[in-house]
Amino acid sequence: MITINIVGLRDGNHPFSIETDVSQIPGLASEFVGTIHTEGVLRKASSRYTLDADVSGTARLVCDRSLEEFEEPIAAVIDLDFVVDHDLAATQRGRISELDDEEARGIREEDKVIDLTEDVRQVLTVAIPFRRVAPAYRDKELEEIHPAIKEREADGTAHTEVVDERWAALAKLKRP
């Protein structure tokens, strides 16, 4: 769990830094390894809390081009507003994962901590890159990594047969 203690906080800025093992964040993508670092500032002004934080971790990914496993640093930013409002907290309870980042979160007066676990899980999961290319292959063309592709295209054996006649018209649209 990633929580910030708010008991006895006075108005003003309160920097924080939290290290959390990935096993302590339920539902976090299995690609993440090691620890998740959450660092930022919690600003308190009367009954309102504003949180600005950077979240970072390491994901173990499989390269789409070489099928090699590599580790990639993943970072994201969280900007959230919390307001002490018992009714709002009651209506939002149980549906934190559905809330928009720009929507103020309700907390009760008796709450002792602000729980960031679900928000951290969401931003890190979204920050995992769609294309997973190892750093060693990012500046290379696919033909450089796999010369057999270039040879196959030179022989004219690549993409020349039509598997199904229904798609023959689409083959004419193919750019050279």
N, C-alpha and C. Protein backbone atom coordinates (compact mmCIF):
# COMPACT_ATOMS: atom_id res chain seq x y z
N MET A 1 0.83 -1.18 0.00
CA MET A 1 0.00 0.00 0.00
C MET A 1 0.88 1.25 0.00
N ILE A 2 0.41 2.24 -0.73
CA ILE A 2 1.12 3.51 -0.78
C ILE A 2 0.21 4.54 -0.12
N THR A 3 0.59 4.95 1.07
CA THR A 3 -0.24 5.88 1.83
C THR A 3 0.59 7.05 2.35
N ILE A 4 -0.09 8.18 2.54
CA ILE A 4 0.54 9.37 3.12
C ILE A 4 -0.24 9.71 4.38
N ASN A 5 0.46 9.82 5.49
CA ASN A 5 -0.15 10.15 6.77
C ASN A 5 -0.57 11.62 6.77
N ILE A 6 -1.83 11.89 7.12
CA ILE A 6 -2.32 13.28 7.13
C ILE A 6 -2.73 13.73 8.54
N VAL A 7 -2.48 12.91 9.53
CA VAL A 7 -2.84 13.28 10.91
C VAL A 7 -1.93 14.41 11.37
N GLY A 8 -2.53 15.50 11.82
CA GLY A 8 -1.78 16.61 12.39
C GLY A 8 -1.05 17.47 11.38
N LEU A 9 -1.33 17.32 10.09
CA LEU A 9 -0.65 18.16 9.09
C LEU A 9 -1.17 19.59 9.17
N ARG A 10 -0.25 20.52 9.17
CA ARG A 10 -0.62 21.94 9.15
C ARG A 10 -0.69 22.38 7.69
N ASP A 11 -1.33 23.52 7.47
CA ASP A 11 -1.39 24.08 6.13
C ASP A 11 0.03 24.33 5.62
N GLY A 12 0.23 24.08 4.33
CA GLY A 12 1.54 24.29 3.72
C GLY A 12 1.95 23.10 2.87
N ASN A 13 3.20 23.13 2.44
CA ASN A 13 3.75 22.08 1.58
C ASN A 13 4.44 21.02 2.42
N HIS A 14 4.21 19.77 2.06
CA HIS A 14 4.79 18.65 2.79
C HIS A 14 5.39 17.66 1.79
N PRO A 15 6.71 17.72 1.57
CA PRO A 15 7.34 16.78 0.64
C PRO A 15 7.32 15.36 1.21
N PHE A 16 7.27 14.38 0.31
CA PHE A 16 7.28 12.98 0.74
C PHE A 16 8.03 12.14 -0.29
N SER A 17 8.50 11.01 0.17
CA SER A 17 9.17 10.04 -0.69
C SER A 17 8.84 8.65 -0.13
N ILE A 18 8.29 7.79 -0.99
CA ILE A 18 7.84 6.47 -0.55
C ILE A 18 8.40 5.41 -1.49
N GLU A 19 9.03 4.40 -0.91
CA GLU A 19 9.50 3.23 -1.66
C GLU A 19 8.57 2.07 -1.32
N THR A 20 8.04 1.40 -2.34
CA THR A 20 7.11 0.31 -2.13
C THR A 20 7.48 -0.87 -3.00
N ASP A 21 7.55 -2.05 -2.42
CA ASP A 21 7.81 -3.25 -3.20
C ASP A 21 6.61 -3.52 -4.11
N VAL A 22 6.87 -3.99 -5.34
CA VAL A 22 5.79 -4.23 -6.29
C VAL A 22 4.76 -5.22 -5.77
N SER A 23 5.17 -6.12 -4.89
CA SER A 23 4.23 -7.10 -4.33
C SER A 23 3.21 -6.46 -3.40
N GLN A 24 3.46 -5.23 -2.96
CA GLN A 24 2.55 -4.53 -2.06
C GLN A 24 1.49 -3.72 -2.81
N ILE A 25 1.52 -3.76 -4.15
CA ILE A 25 0.55 -3.02 -4.96
C ILE A 25 -0.33 -4.03 -5.68
N PRO A 26 -1.52 -4.29 -5.15
CA PRO A 26 -2.40 -5.30 -5.75
C PRO A 26 -2.80 -4.92 -7.18
N GLY A 27 -2.75 -5.90 -8.08
CA GLY A 27 -3.19 -5.68 -9.45
C GLY A 27 -2.17 -5.00 -10.35
N LEU A 28 -0.99 -4.70 -9.84
CA LEU A 28 0.03 -4.07 -10.68
C LEU A 28 0.47 -5.05 -11.76
N ALA A 29 0.71 -4.55 -12.95
CA ALA A 29 1.11 -5.40 -14.07
C ALA A 29 2.31 -6.25 -13.69
N SER A 30 2.29 -7.49 -14.14
CA SER A 30 3.34 -8.45 -13.77
C SER A 30 4.70 -8.09 -14.33
N GLU A 31 4.76 -7.16 -15.27
CA GLU A 31 6.04 -6.74 -15.84
C GLU A 31 6.90 -5.97 -14.85
N PHE A 32 6.30 -5.37 -13.84
CA PHE A 32 7.06 -4.56 -12.89
C PHE A 32 7.83 -5.42 -11.91
N VAL A 33 9.08 -5.01 -11.66
CA VAL A 33 9.97 -5.72 -10.74
C VAL A 33 10.60 -4.72 -9.78
N GLY A 34 11.02 -5.22 -8.63
CA GLY A 34 11.74 -4.37 -7.67
C GLY A 34 10.81 -3.49 -6.86
N THR A 35 11.14 -2.21 -6.81
CA THR A 35 10.36 -1.27 -6.01
C THR A 35 9.79 -0.16 -6.88
N ILE A 36 8.74 0.43 -6.37
CA ILE A 36 8.12 1.59 -7.00
C ILE A 36 8.44 2.78 -6.11
N HIS A 37 8.93 3.85 -6.73
CA HIS A 37 9.31 5.06 -6.00
C HIS A 37 8.28 6.15 -6.28
N THR A 38 7.69 6.69 -5.23
CA THR A 38 6.71 7.77 -5.35
C THR A 38 7.26 8.95 -4.56
N GLU A 39 7.46 10.07 -5.25
CA GLU A 39 8.05 11.25 -4.61
C GLU A 39 7.32 12.49 -5.07
N GLY A 40 7.03 13.38 -4.14
CA GLY A 40 6.33 14.59 -4.52
C GLY A 40 6.04 15.49 -3.34
N VAL A 41 5.01 16.32 -3.52
CA VAL A 41 4.62 17.29 -2.50
C VAL A 41 3.12 17.20 -2.28
N LEU A 42 2.74 17.16 -1.01
CA LEU A 42 1.33 17.23 -0.62
C LEU A 42 1.12 18.62 -0.04
N ARG A 43 0.23 19.39 -0.68
CA ARG A 43 -0.07 20.74 -0.20
C ARG A 43 -1.41 20.71 0.53
N LYS A 44 -1.41 21.26 1.74
CA LYS A 44 -2.65 21.31 2.51
C LYS A 44 -3.05 22.77 2.64
N ALA A 45 -4.31 23.04 2.30
CA ALA A 45 -4.87 24.38 2.46
C ALA A 45 -6.27 24.18 3.04
N SER A 46 -6.41 24.41 4.33
CA SER A 46 -7.67 24.23 5.04
C SER A 46 -8.12 22.78 4.92
N SER A 47 -9.22 22.50 4.25
CA SER A 47 -9.72 21.12 4.15
C SER A 47 -9.44 20.52 2.78
N ARG A 48 -8.52 21.10 2.04
CA ARG A 48 -8.17 20.62 0.70
C ARG A 48 -6.70 20.19 0.68
N TYR A 49 -6.47 19.06 0.03
CA TYR A 49 -5.12 18.53 -0.16
C TYR A 49 -4.87 18.42 -1.66
N THR A 50 -3.74 18.91 -2.10
CA THR A 50 -3.34 18.79 -3.50
C THR A 50 -2.04 18.02 -3.55
N LEU A 51 -2.02 16.98 -4.38
CA LEU A 51 -0.86 16.11 -4.46
C LEU A 51 -0.25 16.19 -5.85
N ASP A 52 1.03 16.45 -5.92
CA ASP A 52 1.81 16.41 -7.17
C ASP A 52 2.95 15.45 -6.92
N ALA A 53 2.99 14.36 -7.70
CA ALA A 53 4.01 13.34 -7.45
C ALA A 53 4.52 12.73 -8.75
N ASP A 54 5.76 12.29 -8.69
CA ASP A 54 6.37 11.51 -9.76
C ASP A 54 6.46 10.08 -9.27
N VAL A 55 6.07 9.16 -10.13
CA VAL A 55 6.09 7.74 -9.81
C VAL A 55 7.02 7.06 -10.80
N SER A 56 7.89 6.19 -10.30
CA SER A 56 8.81 5.50 -11.20
C SER A 56 9.04 4.07 -10.72
N GLY A 57 9.33 3.23 -11.67
CA GLY A 57 9.62 1.83 -11.40
C GLY A 57 10.34 1.22 -12.58
N THR A 58 10.59 -0.06 -12.49
CA THR A 58 11.29 -0.77 -13.56
C THR A 58 10.41 -1.92 -14.03
N ALA A 59 10.28 -2.02 -15.35
CA ALA A 59 9.50 -3.11 -15.94
C ALA A 59 10.43 -4.03 -16.71
N ARG A 60 10.21 -5.31 -16.57
CA ARG A 60 10.96 -6.31 -17.34
C ARG A 60 10.09 -6.68 -18.54
N LEU A 61 10.56 -6.31 -19.73
CA LEU A 61 9.78 -6.48 -20.96
C LEU A 61 10.49 -7.43 -21.91
N VAL A 62 9.75 -7.92 -22.89
CA VAL A 62 10.30 -8.76 -23.94
C VAL A 62 10.28 -7.94 -25.23
N CYS A 63 11.42 -7.82 -25.87
CA CYS A 63 11.58 -7.02 -27.08
C CYS A 63 10.72 -7.60 -28.21
N ASP A 64 9.96 -6.74 -28.88
CA ASP A 64 9.13 -7.15 -30.01
C ASP A 64 9.97 -7.55 -31.22
N ARG A 65 11.18 -7.07 -31.30
CA ARG A 65 12.01 -7.34 -32.48
C ARG A 65 12.95 -8.52 -32.31
N SER A 66 13.49 -8.67 -31.10
CA SER A 66 14.50 -9.72 -30.91
C SER A 66 14.07 -10.81 -29.95
N LEU A 67 12.96 -10.61 -29.27
CA LEU A 67 12.45 -11.51 -28.24
C LEU A 67 13.39 -11.64 -27.04
N GLU A 68 14.31 -10.67 -26.91
CA GLU A 68 15.20 -10.64 -25.75
C GLU A 68 14.50 -9.93 -24.61
N GLU A 69 14.76 -10.37 -23.39
CA GLU A 69 14.21 -9.72 -22.22
C GLU A 69 15.10 -8.54 -21.85
N PHE A 70 14.48 -7.41 -21.47
CA PHE A 70 15.24 -6.24 -21.06
C PHE A 70 14.46 -5.49 -19.99
N GLU A 71 15.16 -4.65 -19.25
CA GLU A 71 14.51 -3.84 -18.21
C GLU A 71 14.42 -2.40 -18.70
N GLU A 72 13.24 -1.81 -18.48
CA GLU A 72 12.97 -0.45 -18.94
C GLU A 72 12.45 0.38 -17.77
N PRO A 73 13.05 1.55 -17.53
CA PRO A 73 12.49 2.43 -16.49
C PRO A 73 11.16 3.02 -16.97
N ILE A 74 10.17 3.00 -16.10
CA ILE A 74 8.85 3.53 -16.41
C ILE A 74 8.57 4.66 -15.42
N ALA A 75 8.12 5.79 -15.94
CA ALA A 75 7.82 6.94 -15.06
C ALA A 75 6.47 7.53 -15.44
N ALA A 76 5.81 8.11 -14.45
CA ALA A 76 4.52 8.75 -14.66
C ALA A 76 4.35 9.86 -13.64
N VAL A 77 3.37 10.71 -13.87
CA VAL A 77 3.09 11.83 -12.99
C VAL A 77 1.66 11.70 -12.47
N ILE A 78 1.49 12.02 -11.20
CA ILE A 78 0.15 12.02 -10.59
C ILE A 78 -0.12 13.42 -10.05
N ASP A 79 -1.27 13.97 -10.43
CA ASP A 79 -1.75 15.25 -9.90
C ASP A 79 -3.18 15.00 -9.43
N LEU A 80 -3.40 15.05 -8.12
CA LEU A 80 -4.72 14.75 -7.56
C LEU A 80 -5.13 15.80 -6.55
N ASP A 81 -6.44 15.98 -6.42
CA ASP A 81 -7.01 16.86 -5.41
C ASP A 81 -7.89 16.03 -4.49
N PHE A 82 -7.77 16.29 -3.19
CA PHE A 82 -8.59 15.65 -2.18
C PHE A 82 -9.27 16.74 -1.37
N VAL A 83 -10.49 16.49 -0.98
CA VAL A 83 -11.21 17.45 -0.16
C VAL A 83 -11.90 16.69 0.97
N VAL A 84 -11.87 17.28 2.16
CA VAL A 84 -12.53 16.66 3.30
C VAL A 84 -14.02 16.90 3.13
N ASP A 85 -14.73 15.83 2.75
CA ASP A 85 -16.16 15.89 2.51
C ASP A 85 -16.71 14.48 2.73
N HIS A 86 -17.38 14.30 3.85
CA HIS A 86 -17.86 12.97 4.24
C HIS A 86 -18.84 12.40 3.20
N ASP A 87 -19.76 13.23 2.69
CA ASP A 87 -20.74 12.75 1.71
C ASP A 87 -20.07 12.34 0.40
N LEU A 88 -19.14 13.15 -0.06
CA LEU A 88 -18.42 12.82 -1.29
C LEU A 88 -17.61 11.54 -1.11
N ALA A 89 -16.97 11.40 0.01
CA ALA A 89 -16.19 10.19 0.30
C ALA A 89 -17.09 8.96 0.31
N ALA A 90 -18.29 9.10 0.86
CA ALA A 90 -19.22 7.97 0.91
C ALA A 90 -19.69 7.56 -0.48
N THR A 91 -19.95 8.53 -1.35
CA THR A 91 -20.40 8.19 -2.71
C THR A 91 -19.27 7.62 -3.56
N GLN A 92 -18.03 7.99 -3.28
CA GLN A 92 -16.90 7.49 -4.06
C GLN A 92 -16.33 6.18 -3.54
N ARG A 93 -16.68 5.81 -2.32
CA ARG A 93 -16.13 4.59 -1.72
C ARG A 93 -16.45 3.38 -2.60
N GLY A 94 -15.42 2.58 -2.88
CA GLY A 94 -15.59 1.38 -3.67
C GLY A 94 -15.47 1.59 -5.17
N ARG A 95 -15.38 2.82 -5.62
CA ARG A 95 -15.25 3.06 -7.06
C ARG A 95 -14.09 4.01 -7.38
N ILE A 96 -13.06 3.95 -6.57
CA ILE A 96 -11.88 4.81 -6.77
C ILE A 96 -11.26 4.58 -8.15
N SER A 97 -11.25 3.34 -8.63
CA SER A 97 -10.63 3.05 -9.93
C SER A 97 -11.39 3.70 -11.08
N GLU A 98 -12.64 4.11 -10.87
CA GLU A 98 -13.45 4.72 -11.93
C GLU A 98 -13.30 6.24 -11.98
N LEU A 99 -12.69 6.84 -10.98
CA LEU A 99 -12.61 8.29 -10.90
C LEU A 99 -11.60 8.85 -11.89
N ASP A 100 -11.93 10.01 -12.42
CA ASP A 100 -11.06 10.74 -13.33
C ASP A 100 -9.98 11.45 -12.51
N ASP A 101 -8.80 11.63 -13.10
CA ASP A 101 -7.71 12.31 -12.39
C ASP A 101 -8.08 13.74 -12.01
N GLU A 102 -8.94 14.37 -12.78
CA GLU A 102 -9.29 15.76 -12.52
C GLU A 102 -10.42 15.90 -11.51
N GLU A 103 -11.02 14.79 -11.14
CA GLU A 103 -12.12 14.80 -10.18
C GLU A 103 -11.56 14.81 -8.76
N ALA A 104 -12.11 15.70 -7.92
CA ALA A 104 -11.66 15.77 -6.53
C ALA A 104 -12.10 14.50 -5.80
N ARG A 105 -11.19 13.97 -4.99
CA ARG A 105 -11.48 12.77 -4.21
C ARG A 105 -11.96 13.20 -2.83
N GLY A 106 -12.98 12.55 -2.35
CA GLY A 106 -13.49 12.85 -1.03
C GLY A 106 -12.79 12.02 0.03
N ILE A 107 -12.45 12.66 1.13
CA ILE A 107 -11.92 11.94 2.29
C ILE A 107 -12.73 12.38 3.51
N ARG A 108 -12.79 11.51 4.49
CA ARG A 108 -13.55 11.81 5.71
C ARG A 108 -12.64 12.50 6.72
N GLU A 109 -13.23 13.23 7.65
CA GLU A 109 -12.46 13.93 8.68
C GLU A 109 -11.67 12.97 9.55
N GLU A 110 -12.20 11.77 9.75
CA GLU A 110 -11.52 10.80 10.61
C GLU A 110 -10.45 9.98 9.86
N ASP A 111 -10.31 10.18 8.55
CA ASP A 111 -9.27 9.46 7.80
C ASP A 111 -7.89 9.90 8.28
N LYS A 112 -7.02 8.93 8.45
CA LYS A 112 -5.67 9.20 8.94
C LYS A 112 -4.64 9.23 7.82
N VAL A 113 -4.99 8.64 6.67
CA VAL A 113 -4.05 8.56 5.55
C VAL A 113 -4.78 8.82 4.23
N ILE A 114 -4.00 9.20 3.23
CA ILE A 114 -4.48 9.26 1.86
C ILE A 114 -3.84 8.07 1.15
N ASP A 115 -4.68 7.22 0.57
CA ASP A 115 -4.21 6.00 -0.09
C ASP A 115 -4.04 6.27 -1.58
N LEU A 116 -2.81 6.13 -2.06
CA LEU A 116 -2.48 6.37 -3.46
C LEU A 116 -2.28 5.08 -4.26
N THR A 117 -2.48 3.94 -3.63
CA THR A 117 -2.15 2.66 -4.26
C THR A 117 -2.83 2.48 -5.61
N GLU A 118 -4.12 2.69 -5.69
CA GLU A 118 -4.86 2.48 -6.93
C GLU A 118 -4.43 3.46 -8.01
N ASP A 119 -4.20 4.72 -7.63
CA ASP A 119 -3.77 5.72 -8.61
C ASP A 119 -2.39 5.40 -9.16
N VAL A 120 -1.48 4.96 -8.31
CA VAL A 120 -0.14 4.56 -8.76
C VAL A 120 -0.23 3.37 -9.70
N ARG A 121 -1.04 2.39 -9.35
CA ARG A 121 -1.22 1.21 -10.20
C ARG A 121 -1.71 1.61 -11.58
N GLN A 122 -2.69 2.50 -11.62
CA GLN A 122 -3.26 2.91 -12.90
C GLN A 122 -2.25 3.66 -13.77
N VAL A 123 -1.57 4.65 -13.22
CA VAL A 123 -0.65 5.45 -14.05
C VAL A 123 0.53 4.64 -14.52
N LEU A 124 1.02 3.71 -13.70
CA LEU A 124 2.14 2.88 -14.14
C LEU A 124 1.71 1.88 -15.21
N THR A 125 0.53 1.32 -15.06
CA THR A 125 0.05 0.37 -16.05
C THR A 125 -0.13 1.04 -17.41
N VAL A 126 -0.66 2.25 -17.41
CA VAL A 126 -0.85 2.99 -18.66
C VAL A 126 0.49 3.43 -19.25
N ALA A 127 1.49 3.62 -18.43
CA ALA A 127 2.80 4.11 -18.90
C ALA A 127 3.66 3.02 -19.54
N ILE A 128 3.26 1.76 -19.44
CA ILE A 128 4.03 0.69 -20.09
C ILE A 128 3.94 0.91 -21.60
N PRO A 129 5.07 0.94 -22.30
CA PRO A 129 5.03 1.22 -23.73
C PRO A 129 4.32 0.13 -24.52
N PHE A 130 3.58 0.55 -25.53
CA PHE A 130 2.89 -0.41 -26.40
C PHE A 130 3.90 -1.18 -27.24
N ARG A 131 4.84 -0.44 -27.87
CA ARG A 131 5.92 -1.08 -28.63
C ARG A 131 7.07 -1.29 -27.67
N ARG A 132 7.48 -2.52 -27.55
CA ARG A 132 8.54 -2.87 -26.61
C ARG A 132 9.78 -3.24 -27.39
N VAL A 133 10.67 -2.27 -27.53
CA VAL A 133 11.89 -2.48 -28.29
C VAL A 133 13.07 -2.23 -27.36
N ALA A 134 13.95 -3.21 -27.26
CA ALA A 134 15.12 -3.10 -26.41
C ALA A 134 16.00 -1.94 -26.88
N PRO A 135 16.69 -1.27 -25.97
CA PRO A 135 17.52 -0.12 -26.34
C PRO A 135 18.54 -0.44 -27.44
N ALA A 136 19.05 -1.64 -27.48
CA ALA A 136 20.05 -2.01 -28.49
C ALA A 136 19.47 -2.04 -29.90
N TYR A 137 18.15 -2.12 -30.03
CA TYR A 137 17.54 -2.25 -31.35
C TYR A 137 16.68 -1.07 -31.76
N ARG A 138 16.65 -0.03 -30.98
CA ARG A 138 15.77 1.10 -31.26
C ARG A 138 16.17 1.90 -32.49
N ASP A 139 17.45 1.94 -32.80
CA ASP A 139 17.93 2.72 -33.95
C ASP A 139 18.15 1.86 -35.18
N LYS A 140 17.75 0.61 -35.13
CA LYS A 140 18.00 -0.30 -36.25
C LYS A 140 16.70 -0.66 -36.95
N GLU A 141 16.83 -0.90 -38.24
CA GLU A 141 15.69 -1.37 -39.03
C GLU A 141 15.51 -2.86 -38.79
N LEU A 142 14.33 -3.34 -39.01
CA LEU A 142 14.03 -4.75 -38.78
C LEU A 142 14.91 -5.66 -39.64
N GLU A 143 15.23 -5.22 -40.86
CA GLU A 143 16.07 -6.01 -41.76
C GLU A 143 17.50 -6.15 -41.23
N GLU A 144 17.97 -5.15 -40.47
CA GLU A 144 19.30 -5.23 -39.87
C GLU A 144 19.33 -6.28 -38.76
N ILE A 145 18.25 -6.39 -38.04
CA ILE A 145 18.18 -7.34 -36.93
C ILE A 145 17.98 -8.76 -37.46
N HIS A 146 17.14 -8.88 -38.48
CA HIS A 146 16.82 -10.20 -39.05
C HIS A 146 17.12 -10.17 -40.56
N PRO A 147 18.35 -10.47 -40.98
CA PRO A 147 18.73 -10.42 -42.39
C PRO A 147 17.90 -11.36 -43.27
N ALA A 148 17.30 -12.38 -42.71
CA ALA A 148 16.51 -13.32 -43.51
C ALA A 148 15.31 -12.61 -44.14
N ILE A 149 14.81 -11.58 -43.53
CA ILE A 149 13.68 -10.83 -44.09
C ILE A 149 14.10 -10.16 -45.38
N LYS A 150 15.29 -9.55 -45.38
CA LYS A 150 15.79 -8.87 -46.56
C LYS A 150 16.04 -9.86 -47.69
N GLU A 151 16.60 -11.01 -47.36
CA GLU A 151 16.86 -12.05 -48.36
C GLU A 151 15.56 -12.57 -48.95
N ARG A 152 14.56 -12.77 -48.12
CA ARG A 152 13.28 -13.28 -48.58
C ARG A 152 12.60 -12.27 -49.50
N GLU A 153 12.70 -10.97 -49.19
CA GLU A 153 12.12 -9.95 -50.05
C GLU A 153 12.87 -9.86 -51.37
N ALA A 154 14.20 -10.06 -51.35
CA ALA A 154 15.00 -10.02 -52.57
C ALA A 154 14.64 -11.19 -53.48
N ASP A 155 14.31 -12.32 -52.92
CA ASP A 155 13.91 -13.49 -53.70
C ASP A 155 12.51 -13.34 -54.27
N GLY A 156 11.76 -12.40 -53.75
CA GLY A 156 10.39 -12.21 -54.20
C GLY A 156 9.42 -13.19 -53.58
N THR A 157 9.86 -13.88 -52.54
CA THR A 157 8.98 -14.87 -51.92
C THR A 157 8.11 -14.27 -50.82
N ALA A 158 8.39 -13.06 -50.45
CA ALA A 158 7.63 -12.45 -49.36
C ALA A 158 6.35 -11.80 -49.87
N HIS A 159 5.25 -12.15 -49.31
CA HIS A 159 3.96 -11.53 -49.56
C HIS A 159 3.52 -11.61 -51.02
N THR A 160 3.89 -12.63 -51.77
CA THR A 160 3.47 -12.71 -53.16
C THR A 160 2.28 -13.61 -53.37
N GLU A 161 2.10 -14.61 -52.52
CA GLU A 161 0.97 -15.50 -52.72
C GLU A 161 -0.28 -14.91 -52.07
N VAL A 162 -1.42 -15.15 -52.72
CA VAL A 162 -2.69 -14.70 -52.18
C VAL A 162 -3.31 -15.88 -51.47
N VAL A 163 -3.55 -15.72 -50.18
CA VAL A 163 -4.08 -16.80 -49.37
C VAL A 163 -5.55 -17.04 -49.67
N ASP A 164 -6.29 -15.98 -49.87
CA ASP A 164 -7.72 -16.08 -50.10
C ASP A 164 -8.08 -15.12 -51.23
N GLU A 165 -8.84 -15.58 -52.19
CA GLU A 165 -9.20 -14.75 -53.35
C GLU A 165 -9.98 -13.50 -52.96
N ARG A 166 -10.67 -13.54 -51.83
CA ARG A 166 -11.45 -12.37 -51.41
C ARG A 166 -10.55 -11.17 -51.14
N TRP A 167 -9.29 -11.38 -50.85
CA TRP A 167 -8.36 -10.31 -50.52
C TRP A 167 -7.53 -9.86 -51.72
N ALA A 168 -7.74 -10.45 -52.88
CA ALA A 168 -6.94 -10.12 -54.05
C ALA A 168 -7.07 -8.65 -54.43
N ALA A 169 -8.26 -8.08 -54.29
CA ALA A 169 -8.46 -6.67 -54.63
C ALA A 169 -7.65 -5.76 -53.72
N LEU A 170 -7.47 -6.16 -52.48
CA LEU A 170 -6.68 -5.34 -51.56
C LEU A 170 -5.19 -5.39 -51.91
N ALA A 171 -4.73 -6.47 -52.49
CA ALA A 171 -3.31 -6.57 -52.87
C ALA A 171 -2.96 -5.53 -53.91
N LYS A 172 -3.90 -5.13 -54.72
CA LYS A 172 -3.66 -4.10 -55.75
C LYS A 172 -3.46 -2.73 -55.12
N LEU A 173 -4.01 -2.53 -53.93
CA LEU A 173 -3.90 -1.25 -53.25
C LEU A 173 -2.55 -1.06 -52.56
N LYS A 174 -1.82 -2.13 -52.44
CA LYS A 174 -0.53 -2.11 -51.73
C LYS A 174 0.44 -1.17 -52.43
N ARG A 175 1.07 -0.32 -51.65
CA ARG A 175 2.05 0.61 -52.21
C ARG A 175 3.37 -0.11 -52.45
N PRO A 176 4.08 0.26 -53.51
CA PRO A 176 5.37 -0.40 -53.79
C PRO A 176 6.42 -0.01 -52.79
